[in-house]
């Protein structure tokens, strides 16, 4: 079975003072075991780590440049 990867860039929304939380929650709702969400954000979204961990996701964060972080969330279990 092939695993799904969703790539989501929320830097523009955050720069425009918009809240991307609902968009992120809608994206992960489509994901199953071993599927991946690649999130691009202007900072490390530390509060999101706990929310997604509770939903069965592990994460790895990488700083691409000053205001660009790439966070890879992988569904490893749970709900």
PDB file of N, CA and C in Angstrom:
ATOM      1  N   UNK A   1       0.846  -1.197   0.000  1.00  0.00           N
ATOM      2  CA  UNK A   1       0.000   0.000   0.000  1.00  0.00           C
ATOM      3  C   UNK A   1       0.884   1.251   0.000  1.00  0.00           C
ATOM      4  N   UNK A   2       0.520   2.191  -0.833  1.00  0.00           N
ATOM      5  CA  UNK A   2       1.291   3.414  -0.942  1.00  0.00           C
ATOM      6  C   UNK A   2       0.898   4.393   0.162  1.00  0.00           C
ATOM      7  N   UNK A   3       1.893   5.103   0.670  1.00  0.00           N
ATOM      8  CA  UNK A   3       1.636   6.063   1.739  1.00  0.00           C
ATOM      9  C   UNK A   3       1.415   7.453   1.150  1.00  0.00           C
ATOM     10  N   UNK A   4       0.529   8.185   1.773  1.00  0.00           N
ATOM     11  CA  UNK A   4       0.165   9.525   1.312  1.00  0.00           C
ATOM     12  C   UNK A   4       1.076  10.560   1.965  1.00  0.00           C
ATOM     13  N   UNK A   5       1.448  11.570   1.195  1.00  0.00           N
ATOM     14  CA  UNK A   5       2.180  12.720   1.711  1.00  0.00           C
ATOM     15  C   UNK A   5       1.422  13.978   1.314  1.00  0.00           C
ATOM     16  N   UNK A   6       1.132  14.795   2.307  1.00  0.00           N
ATOM     17  CA  UNK A   6       0.491  16.092   2.066  1.00  0.00           C
ATOM     18  C   UNK A   6       1.506  17.168   2.424  1.00  0.00           C
ATOM     19  N   UNK A   7       1.698  18.113   1.517  1.00  0.00           N
ATOM     20  CA  UNK A   7       2.607  19.229   1.770  1.00  0.00           C
ATOM     21  C   UNK A   7       1.762  20.482   1.960  1.00  0.00           C
ATOM     22  N   UNK A   8       2.022  21.192   3.062  1.00  0.00           N
ATOM     23  CA  UNK A   8       1.214  22.358   3.412  1.00  0.00           C
ATOM     24  C   UNK A   8       2.144  23.493   3.822  1.00  0.00           C
ATOM     25  N   UNK A   9       2.025  24.624   3.152  1.00  0.00           N
ATOM     26  CA  UNK A   9       2.849  25.796   3.456  1.00  0.00           C
ATOM     27  C   UNK A   9       1.942  26.849   4.087  1.00  0.00           C
ATOM     28  N   UNK A  10       2.157  27.117   5.381  1.00  0.00           N
ATOM     29  CA  UNK A  10       1.306  28.085   6.090  1.00  0.00           C
ATOM     30  C   UNK A  10       2.044  29.393   6.370  1.00  0.00           C
ATOM     31  N   UNK A  11       3.190  29.585   5.762  1.00  0.00           N
ATOM     32  CA  UNK A  11       3.963  30.809   6.029  1.00  0.00           C
ATOM     33  C   UNK A  11       3.203  32.067   5.639  1.00  0.00           C
ATOM     34  N   UNK A  12       2.548  32.042   4.488  1.00  0.00           N
ATOM     35  CA  UNK A  12       1.832  33.247   4.037  1.00  0.00           C
ATOM     36  C   UNK A  12       0.660  33.570   4.959  1.00  0.00           C
ATOM     37  N   UNK A  13      -0.102  32.540   5.363  1.00  0.00           N
ATOM     38  CA  UNK A  13      -1.224  32.778   6.273  1.00  0.00           C
ATOM     39  C   UNK A  13      -0.737  33.409   7.579  1.00  0.00           C
ATOM     40  N   UNK A  14       0.337  32.847   8.141  1.00  0.00           N
ATOM     41  CA  UNK A  14       0.857  33.363   9.409  1.00  0.00           C
ATOM     42  C   UNK A  14       1.386  34.779   9.230  1.00  0.00           C
ATOM     43  N   UNK A  15       2.071  35.042   8.133  1.00  0.00           N
ATOM     44  CA  UNK A  15       2.571  36.399   7.864  1.00  0.00           C
ATOM     45  C   UNK A  15       1.434  37.399   7.705  1.00  0.00           C
ATOM     46  N   UNK A  16       0.265  36.923   7.266  1.00  0.00           N
ATOM     47  CA  UNK A  16      -0.915  37.786   7.119  1.00  0.00           C
ATOM     48  C   UNK A  16      -1.800  37.749   8.359  1.00  0.00           C
ATOM     49  N   UNK A  17      -1.259  37.251   9.471  1.00  0.00           N
ATOM     50  CA  UNK A  17      -1.954  37.202  10.771  1.00  0.00           C
ATOM     51  C   UNK A  17      -3.186  36.295  10.759  1.00  0.00           C
ATOM     52  N   UNK A  18      -3.189  35.273   9.893  1.00  0.00           N
ATOM     53  CA  UNK A  18      -4.281  34.308   9.842  1.00  0.00           C
ATOM     54  C   UNK A  18      -3.866  33.047  10.601  1.00  0.00           C
ATOM     55  N   UNK A  19      -4.840  32.362  11.151  1.00  0.00           N
ATOM     56  CA  UNK A  19      -4.585  31.154  11.943  1.00  0.00           C
ATOM     57  C   UNK A  19      -4.766  29.921  11.066  1.00  0.00           C
ATOM     58  N   UNK A  20      -3.701  29.147  10.821  1.00  0.00           N
ATOM     59  CA  UNK A  20      -3.798  27.980   9.937  1.00  0.00           C
ATOM     60  C   UNK A  20      -4.189  26.683  10.644  1.00  0.00           C
ATOM     61  N   UNK A  21      -4.523  26.732  11.934  1.00  0.00           N
ATOM     62  CA  UNK A  21      -4.775  25.505  12.702  1.00  0.00           C
ATOM     63  C   UNK A  21      -5.844  24.624  12.065  1.00  0.00           C
ATOM     64  N   UNK A  22      -6.951  25.222  11.661  1.00  0.00           N
ATOM     65  CA  UNK A  22      -8.045  24.431  11.081  1.00  0.00           C
ATOM     66  C   UNK A  22      -7.602  23.758   9.779  1.00  0.00           C
ATOM     67  N   UNK A  23      -6.845  24.470   8.973  1.00  0.00           N
ATOM     68  CA  UNK A  23      -6.334  23.920   7.715  1.00  0.00           C
ATOM     69  C   UNK A  23      -5.422  22.711   7.987  1.00  0.00           C
ATOM     70  N   UNK A  24      -4.603  22.814   9.023  1.00  0.00           N
ATOM     71  CA  UNK A  24      -3.706  21.715   9.389  1.00  0.00           C
ATOM     72  C   UNK A  24      -4.522  20.518   9.881  1.00  0.00           C
ATOM     73  N   UNK A  25      -5.533  20.771  10.716  1.00  0.00           N
ATOM     74  CA  UNK A  25      -6.368  19.682  11.240  1.00  0.00           C
ATOM     75  C   UNK A  25      -7.130  18.975  10.115  1.00  0.00           C
ATOM     76  N   UNK A  26      -7.588  19.740   9.129  1.00  0.00           N
ATOM     77  CA  UNK A  26      -8.281  19.138   7.983  1.00  0.00           C
ATOM     78  C   UNK A  26      -7.316  18.267   7.178  1.00  0.00           C
ATOM     79  N   UNK A  27      -6.084  18.721   7.034  1.00  0.00           N
ATOM     80  CA  UNK A  27      -5.090  17.951   6.274  1.00  0.00           C
ATOM     81  C   UNK A  27      -4.768  16.633   6.963  1.00  0.00           C
ATOM     82  N   UNK A  28      -4.582  16.657   8.278  1.00  0.00           N
ATOM     83  CA  UNK A  28      -4.207  15.409   8.956  1.00  0.00           C
ATOM     84  C   UNK A  28      -5.380  14.437   9.071  1.00  0.00           C
ATOM     85  N   UNK A  29      -6.601  14.935   8.949  1.00  0.00           N
ATOM     86  CA  UNK A  29      -7.769  14.055   9.029  1.00  0.00           C
ATOM     87  C   UNK A  29      -7.757  13.010   7.919  1.00  0.00           C
ATOM     88  N   UNK A  30      -7.085  13.310   6.816  1.00  0.00           N
ATOM     89  CA  UNK A  30      -7.009  12.409   5.669  1.00  0.00           C
ATOM     90  C   UNK A  30      -5.888  11.377   5.795  1.00  0.00           C
ATOM     91  N   UNK A  31      -5.059  11.494   6.833  1.00  0.00           N
ATOM     92  CA  UNK A  31      -3.863  10.664   6.916  1.00  0.00           C
ATOM     93  C   UNK A  31      -4.084   9.401   7.738  1.00  0.00           C
ATOM     94  N   UNK A  32      -3.434   8.329   7.293  1.00  0.00           N
ATOM     95  CA  UNK A  32      -3.494   7.028   7.957  1.00  0.00           C
ATOM     96  C   UNK A  32      -2.092   6.624   8.386  1.00  0.00           C
ATOM     97  N   UNK A  33      -1.950   5.449   8.958  1.00  0.00           N
ATOM     98  CA  UNK A  33      -0.679   4.968   9.477  1.00  0.00           C
ATOM     99  C   UNK A  33       0.442   5.095   8.432  1.00  0.00           C
ATOM    100  N   UNK A  34       1.539   5.689   8.848  1.00  0.00           N
ATOM    101  CA  UNK A  34       2.744   5.923   8.033  1.00  0.00           C
ATOM    102  C   UNK A  34       2.582   6.997   6.964  1.00  0.00           C
ATOM    103  N   UNK A  35       1.442   7.678   6.915  1.00  0.00           N
ATOM    104  CA  UNK A  35       1.293   8.825   6.022  1.00  0.00           C
ATOM    105  C   UNK A  35       2.026  10.017   6.641  1.00  0.00           C
ATOM    106  N   UNK A  36       2.285  11.032   5.804  1.00  0.00           N
ATOM    107  CA  UNK A  36       3.140  12.150   6.214  1.00  0.00           C
ATOM    108  C   UNK A  36       2.492  13.490   5.876  1.00  0.00           C
ATOM    109  N   UNK A  37       2.646  14.439   6.809  1.00  0.00           N
ATOM    110  CA  UNK A  37       2.328  15.841   6.550  1.00  0.00           C
ATOM    111  C   UNK A  37       3.646  16.598   6.595  1.00  0.00           C
ATOM    112  N   UNK A  38       3.969  17.287   5.504  1.00  0.00           N
ATOM    113  CA  UNK A  38       5.157  18.153   5.466  1.00  0.00           C
ATOM    114  C   UNK A  38       4.639  19.577   5.607  1.00  0.00           C
ATOM    115  N   UNK A  39       4.979  20.196   6.722  1.00  0.00           N
ATOM    116  CA  UNK A  39       4.483  21.537   7.036  1.00  0.00           C
ATOM    117  C   UNK A  39       5.616  22.543   6.913  1.00  0.00           C
ATOM    118  N   UNK A  40       5.357  23.634   6.194  1.00  0.00           N
ATOM    119  CA  UNK A  40       6.317  24.728   6.079  1.00  0.00           C
ATOM    120  C   UNK A  40       5.760  25.888   6.889  1.00  0.00           C
ATOM    121  N   UNK A  41       6.561  26.382   7.841  1.00  0.00           N
ATOM    122  CA  UNK A  41       6.124  27.451   8.731  1.00  0.00           C
ATOM    123  C   UNK A  41       7.266  28.438   8.958  1.00  0.00           C
ATOM    124  N   UNK A  42       6.941  29.678   9.388  1.00  0.00           N
ATOM    125  CA  UNK A  42       7.996  30.672   9.609  1.00  0.00           C
ATOM    126  C   UNK A  42       8.712  30.506  10.956  1.00  0.00           C
ATOM    127  N   UNK A  43       8.278  29.554  11.781  1.00  0.00           N
ATOM    128  CA  UNK A  43       8.885  29.287  13.081  1.00  0.00           C
ATOM    129  C   UNK A  43       8.548  27.851  13.471  1.00  0.00           C
ATOM    130  N   UNK A  44       9.190  27.347  14.518  1.00  0.00           N
ATOM    131  CA  UNK A  44       8.864  26.012  15.011  1.00  0.00           C
ATOM    132  C   UNK A  44       7.506  26.079  15.720  1.00  0.00           C
ATOM    133  N   UNK A  45       6.516  25.365  15.241  1.00  0.00           N
ATOM    134  CA  UNK A  45       5.181  25.420  15.861  1.00  0.00           C
ATOM    135  C   UNK A  45       5.094  24.475  17.066  1.00  0.00           C
ATOM    136  N   UNK A  46       5.837  24.792  18.120  1.00  0.00           N
ATOM    137  CA  UNK A  46       5.980  23.905  19.272  1.00  0.00           C
ATOM    138  C   UNK A  46       4.630  23.469  19.865  1.00  0.00           C
ATOM    139  N   UNK A  47       3.643  24.346  20.047  1.00  0.00           N
ATOM    140  CA  UNK A  47       2.361  23.878  20.593  1.00  0.00           C
ATOM    141  C   UNK A  47       1.694  22.810  19.711  1.00  0.00           C
ATOM    142  N   UNK A  48       1.917  22.882  18.421  1.00  0.00           N
ATOM    143  CA  UNK A  48       1.335  21.915  17.488  1.00  0.00           C
ATOM    144  C   UNK A  48       1.936  20.520  17.690  1.00  0.00           C
ATOM    145  N   UNK A  49       3.180  20.459  18.140  1.00  0.00           N
ATOM    146  CA  UNK A  49       3.828  19.165  18.353  1.00  0.00           C
ATOM    147  C   UNK A  49       3.011  18.304  19.320  1.00  0.00           C
ATOM    148  N   UNK A  50       2.588  18.899  20.434  1.00  0.00           N
ATOM    149  CA  UNK A  50       1.813  18.161  21.430  1.00  0.00           C
ATOM    150  C   UNK A  50       0.448  17.749  20.922  1.00  0.00           C
ATOM    151  N   UNK A  51      -0.202  18.647  20.185  1.00  0.00           N
ATOM    152  CA  UNK A  51      -1.532  18.356  19.635  1.00  0.00           C
ATOM    153  C   UNK A  51      -1.454  17.165  18.685  1.00  0.00           C
ATOM    154  N   UNK A  52      -0.473  17.187  17.789  1.00  0.00           N
ATOM    155  CA  UNK A  52      -0.366  16.107  16.814  1.00  0.00           C
ATOM    156  C   UNK A  52       0.188  14.825  17.434  1.00  0.00           C
ATOM    157  N   UNK A  53       1.008  14.944  18.466  1.00  0.00           N
ATOM    158  CA  UNK A  53       1.490  13.743  19.165  1.00  0.00           C
ATOM    159  C   UNK A  53       0.292  12.996  19.762  1.00  0.00           C
ATOM    160  N   UNK A  54      -0.661  13.737  20.321  1.00  0.00           N
ATOM    161  CA  UNK A  54      -1.861  13.123  20.898  1.00  0.00           C
ATOM    162  C   UNK A  54      -2.701  12.429  19.827  1.00  0.00           C
ATOM    163  N   UNK A  55      -2.511  12.818  18.571  1.00  0.00           N
ATOM    164  CA  UNK A  55      -3.252  12.211  17.464  1.00  0.00           C
ATOM    165  C   UNK A  55      -2.427  11.125  16.757  1.00  0.00           C
ATOM    166  N   UNK A  56      -1.270  10.781  17.341  1.00  0.00           N
ATOM    167  CA  UNK A  56      -0.480   9.668  16.821  1.00  0.00           C
ATOM    168  C   UNK A  56       0.637  10.043  15.869  1.00  0.00           C
ATOM    169  N   UNK A  57       1.094  11.301  15.893  1.00  0.00           N
ATOM    170  CA  UNK A  57       2.136  11.751  14.968  1.00  0.00           C
ATOM    171  C   UNK A  57       3.456  12.003  15.685  1.00  0.00           C
ATOM    172  N   UNK A  58       4.546  11.555  15.059  1.00  0.00           N
ATOM    173  CA  UNK A  58       5.897  11.943  15.457  1.00  0.00           C
ATOM    174  C   UNK A  58       6.318  13.074  14.525  1.00  0.00           C
ATOM    175  N   UNK A  59       7.342  13.833  14.923  1.00  0.00           N
ATOM    176  CA  UNK A  59       7.778  14.927  14.046  1.00  0.00           C
ATOM    177  C   UNK A  59       9.294  15.058  14.030  1.00  0.00           C
ATOM    178  N   UNK A  60       9.759  15.656  12.945  1.00  0.00           N
ATOM    179  CA  UNK A  60      11.154  16.070  12.796  1.00  0.00           C
ATOM    180  C   UNK A  60      11.132  17.464  12.204  1.00  0.00           C
ATOM    181  N   UNK A  61      11.869  18.387  12.827  1.00  0.00           N
ATOM    182  CA  UNK A  61      11.905  19.767  12.352  1.00  0.00           C
ATOM    183  C   UNK A  61      13.276  20.091  11.782  1.00  0.00           C
ATOM    184  N   UNK A  62      13.266  20.869  10.710  1.00  0.00           N
ATOM    185  CA  UNK A  62      14.508  21.280  10.054  1.00  0.00           C
ATOM    186  C   UNK A  62      14.400  22.766   9.732  1.00  0.00           C
ATOM    187  N   UNK A  63      15.430  23.528  10.117  1.00  0.00           N
ATOM    188  CA  UNK A  63      15.473  24.953   9.788  1.00  0.00           C
ATOM    189  C   UNK A  63      16.052  25.092   8.391  1.00  0.00           C
ATOM    190  N   UNK A  64      15.246  25.633   7.468  1.00  0.00           N
ATOM    191  CA  UNK A  64      15.676  25.811   6.079  1.00  0.00           C
ATOM    192  C   UNK A  64      16.405  27.147   5.929  1.00  0.00           C
ATOM    193  N   UNK A  65      15.797  28.199   6.477  1.00  0.00           N
ATOM    194  CA  UNK A  65      16.407  29.534   6.505  1.00  0.00           C
ATOM    195  C   UNK A  65      15.812  30.292   7.678  1.00  0.00           C
ATOM    196  N   UNK A  66      16.149  31.570   7.811  1.00  0.00           N
ATOM    197  CA  UNK A  66      15.772  32.329   9.010  1.00  0.00           C
ATOM    198  C   UNK A  66      14.291  32.207   9.373  1.00  0.00           C
ATOM    199  N   UNK A  67      13.398  32.352   8.407  1.00  0.00           N
ATOM    200  CA  UNK A  67      11.965  32.273   8.706  1.00  0.00           C
ATOM    201  C   UNK A  67      11.291  31.173   7.899  1.00  0.00           C
ATOM    202  N   UNK A  68      11.962  30.037   7.837  1.00  0.00           N
ATOM    203  CA  UNK A  68      11.390  28.896   7.116  1.00  0.00           C
ATOM    204  C   UNK A  68      11.815  27.601   7.807  1.00  0.00           C
ATOM    205  N   UNK A  69      10.841  26.981   8.422  1.00  0.00           N
ATOM    206  CA  UNK A  69      11.044  25.668   9.038  1.00  0.00           C
ATOM    207  C   UNK A  69      10.219  24.646   8.275  1.00  0.00           C
ATOM    208  N   UNK A  70      10.810  23.476   8.093  1.00  0.00           N
ATOM    209  CA  UNK A  70      10.104  22.353   7.470  1.00  0.00           C
ATOM    210  C   UNK A  70       9.941  21.303   8.558  1.00  0.00           C
ATOM    211  N   UNK A  71       8.682  20.983   8.875  1.00  0.00           N
ATOM    212  CA  UNK A  71       8.400  20.001   9.905  1.00  0.00           C
ATOM    213  C   UNK A  71       7.697  18.830   9.247  1.00  0.00           C
ATOM    214  N   UNK A  72       8.249  17.638   9.425  1.00  0.00           N
ATOM    215  CA  UNK A  72       7.696  16.431   8.851  1.00  0.00           C
ATOM    216  C   UNK A  72       6.988  15.659   9.974  1.00  0.00           C
ATOM    217  N   UNK A  73       5.661  15.560   9.863  1.00  0.00           N
ATOM    218  CA  UNK A  73       4.863  14.818  10.818  1.00  0.00           C
ATOM    219  C   UNK A  73       4.512  13.477  10.178  1.00  0.00           C
ATOM    220  N   UNK A  74       4.828  12.387  10.868  1.00  0.00           N
ATOM    221  CA  UNK A  74       4.540  11.043  10.370  1.00  0.00           C
ATOM    222  C   UNK A  74       3.567  10.371  11.325  1.00  0.00           C
ATOM    223  N   UNK A  75       2.485   9.847  10.775  1.00  0.00           N
ATOM    224  CA  UNK A  75       1.499   9.143  11.607  1.00  0.00           C
ATOM    225  C   UNK A  75       2.053   7.762  11.943  1.00  0.00           C
ATOM    226  N   UNK A  76       2.351   7.560  13.206  1.00  0.00           N
ATOM    227  CA  UNK A  76       2.977   6.315  13.638  1.00  0.00           C
ATOM    228  C   UNK A  76       2.041   5.465  14.482  1.00  0.00           C
ATOM    229  N   UNK A  77       0.891   5.999  14.795  1.00  0.00           N
ATOM    230  CA  UNK A  77      -0.053   5.220  15.591  1.00  0.00           C
ATOM    231  C   UNK A  77      -1.216   6.064  16.052  1.00  0.00           C
ATOM    232  N   UNK A  78      -1.899   5.536  17.026  1.00  0.00           N
ATOM    233  CA  UNK A  78      -2.968   6.290  17.666  1.00  0.00           C
ATOM    234  C   UNK A  78      -4.184   6.504  16.818  1.00  0.00           C
ATOM    235  N   UNK A  79      -4.943   7.444  17.244  1.00  0.00           N
ATOM    236  CA  UNK A  79      -6.300   7.739  16.801  1.00  0.00           C
ATOM    237  C   UNK A  79      -6.421   8.082  15.337  1.00  0.00           C
TER     238      UNK A  79
END
